[in-house]
Amino acid sequence: MIDHGIVKSTVKPEEKVVDDYSVWLATDIKENTISDDDGERTEFEYHLIQYTKDEYIKLIDEKNVTLEEQLTDTQLALCDVYEMIGG
């Protein structure tokens, strides 16, 4: 993972871009209007992180495991609620 920090651009970034080797994630995208001697222009500021495809797959897999655990916990809690309601 390479954290490129805060990046500025005159082009609005896509939130996720996949190329041959990397996955680029742009977060906290803010649109700013800049006024100077040349007039006004729109500029975008965002946090840019670059993952290799393998790193990104691992990140998504870890998130899926966490979500599956949370889903199981929720299902067990719902079973408890149903049992309390039913009798």
Protein backbone atom coordinates (compact mmCIF):
# COMPACT_ATOMS: atom_id res chain seq x y z
CA MET A 1 0.00 0.00 0.00
CA ILE A 2 1.21 3.46 -0.85
CA ASP A 3 -0.54 6.36 0.88
CA HIS A 4 -0.13 9.33 -1.45
CA GLY A 5 -1.76 11.61 1.12
CA ILE A 6 -3.84 14.60 0.08
CA VAL A 7 -3.82 15.16 -3.67
CA LYS A 8 -5.16 18.11 -5.68
CA SER A 9 -6.52 17.92 -9.21
CA THR A 10 -8.59 19.93 -11.65
CA VAL A 11 -10.37 16.70 -12.67
CA LYS A 12 -12.87 15.03 -10.34
CA PRO A 13 -11.44 11.61 -9.41
CA GLU A 14 -13.29 8.33 -9.56
CA GLU A 15 -13.63 6.74 -6.12
CA LYS A 16 -12.04 3.48 -7.32
CA VAL A 17 -9.81 2.89 -10.35
CA VAL A 18 -8.36 -0.50 -11.28
CA ASP A 19 -5.44 -0.69 -13.70
CA ASP A 20 -3.21 -3.59 -14.74
CA TYR A 21 -1.26 -3.63 -11.45
CA SER A 22 -3.02 -1.48 -8.86
CA VAL A 23 -6.27 -0.43 -7.25
CA TRP A 24 -6.46 3.31 -6.55
CA LEU A 25 -8.92 4.57 -3.91
CA ALA A 26 -9.84 8.25 -3.66
CA THR A 27 -11.66 9.18 -0.43
CA ASP A 28 -12.80 12.39 1.28
CA ILE A 29 -13.27 14.11 -2.10
CA LYS A 30 -13.84 17.84 -1.68
CA GLU A 31 -14.65 20.32 -4.43
CA ASN A 32 -13.12 23.78 -4.00
CA THR A 33 -13.54 26.95 -6.03
CA ILE A 34 -10.24 28.79 -6.42
CA SER A 35 -10.12 32.50 -7.29
CA ASP A 36 -6.91 34.12 -8.53
CA ASP A 37 -5.70 36.60 -11.15
CA ASP A 38 -6.81 34.22 -13.94
CA GLY A 39 -10.38 34.04 -12.61
CA GLU A 40 -12.19 31.19 -10.89
CA ARG A 41 -11.60 27.47 -11.36
CA THR A 42 -12.75 24.29 -9.71
CA GLU A 43 -10.21 22.12 -7.94
CA PHE A 44 -10.65 18.77 -6.20
CA GLU A 45 -8.81 17.67 -3.09
CA TYR A 46 -8.83 14.06 -1.93
CA HIS A 47 -6.96 11.34 -0.07
CA LEU A 48 -5.36 8.86 -2.48
CA ILE A 49 -4.26 5.32 -1.57
CA GLN A 50 -2.74 2.83 -4.00
CA TYR A 51 -2.93 -0.93 -3.37
CA THR A 52 -1.45 -3.76 -5.37
CA LYS A 53 -4.20 -6.05 -6.59
CA ASP A 54 -3.08 -8.74 -4.11
CA GLU A 55 -3.18 -6.26 -1.20
CA TYR A 56 -6.66 -5.13 -2.23
CA ILE A 57 -7.95 -8.71 -2.51
CA LYS A 58 -6.61 -9.42 1.00
CA LEU A 59 -8.25 -6.23 2.34
CA ILE A 60 -11.62 -7.16 0.83
CA ASP A 61 -11.30 -10.73 2.14
CA GLU A 62 -10.63 -9.46 5.68
CA LYS A 63 -13.66 -7.16 5.47
CA ASN A 64 -15.81 -10.08 4.29
CA VAL A 65 -14.72 -12.22 7.25
CA THR A 66 -15.64 -9.40 9.64
CA LEU A 67 -19.03 -8.92 7.96
CA GLU A 68 -19.74 -12.66 8.13
CA GLU A 69 -18.95 -12.66 11.87
CA GLN A 70 -21.21 -9.66 12.44
CA LEU A 71 -24.00 -11.31 10.44
CA THR A 72 -23.72 -14.48 12.52
CA ASP A 73 -23.84 -12.44 15.75
CA THR A 74 -26.93 -10.60 14.48
CA GLN A 75 -28.67 -13.84 13.53
CA LEU A 76 -27.98 -15.32 16.97
CA ALA A 77 -29.30 -12.18 18.66
CA LEU A 78 -32.46 -12.33 16.53
CA CYS A 79 -32.98 -15.96 17.53
CA ASP A 80 -32.80 -14.89 21.18
CA VAL A 81 -35.35 -12.14 20.54
CA TYR A 82 -37.71 -14.53 18.75
CA GLU A 83 -37.46 -16.99 21.64
CA MET A 84 -38.26 -14.23 24.17
CA ILE A 85 -41.27 -13.09 22.14
CA GLY A 86 -42.51 -16.62 21.52
CA GLY A 87 -42.54 -17.80 25.04
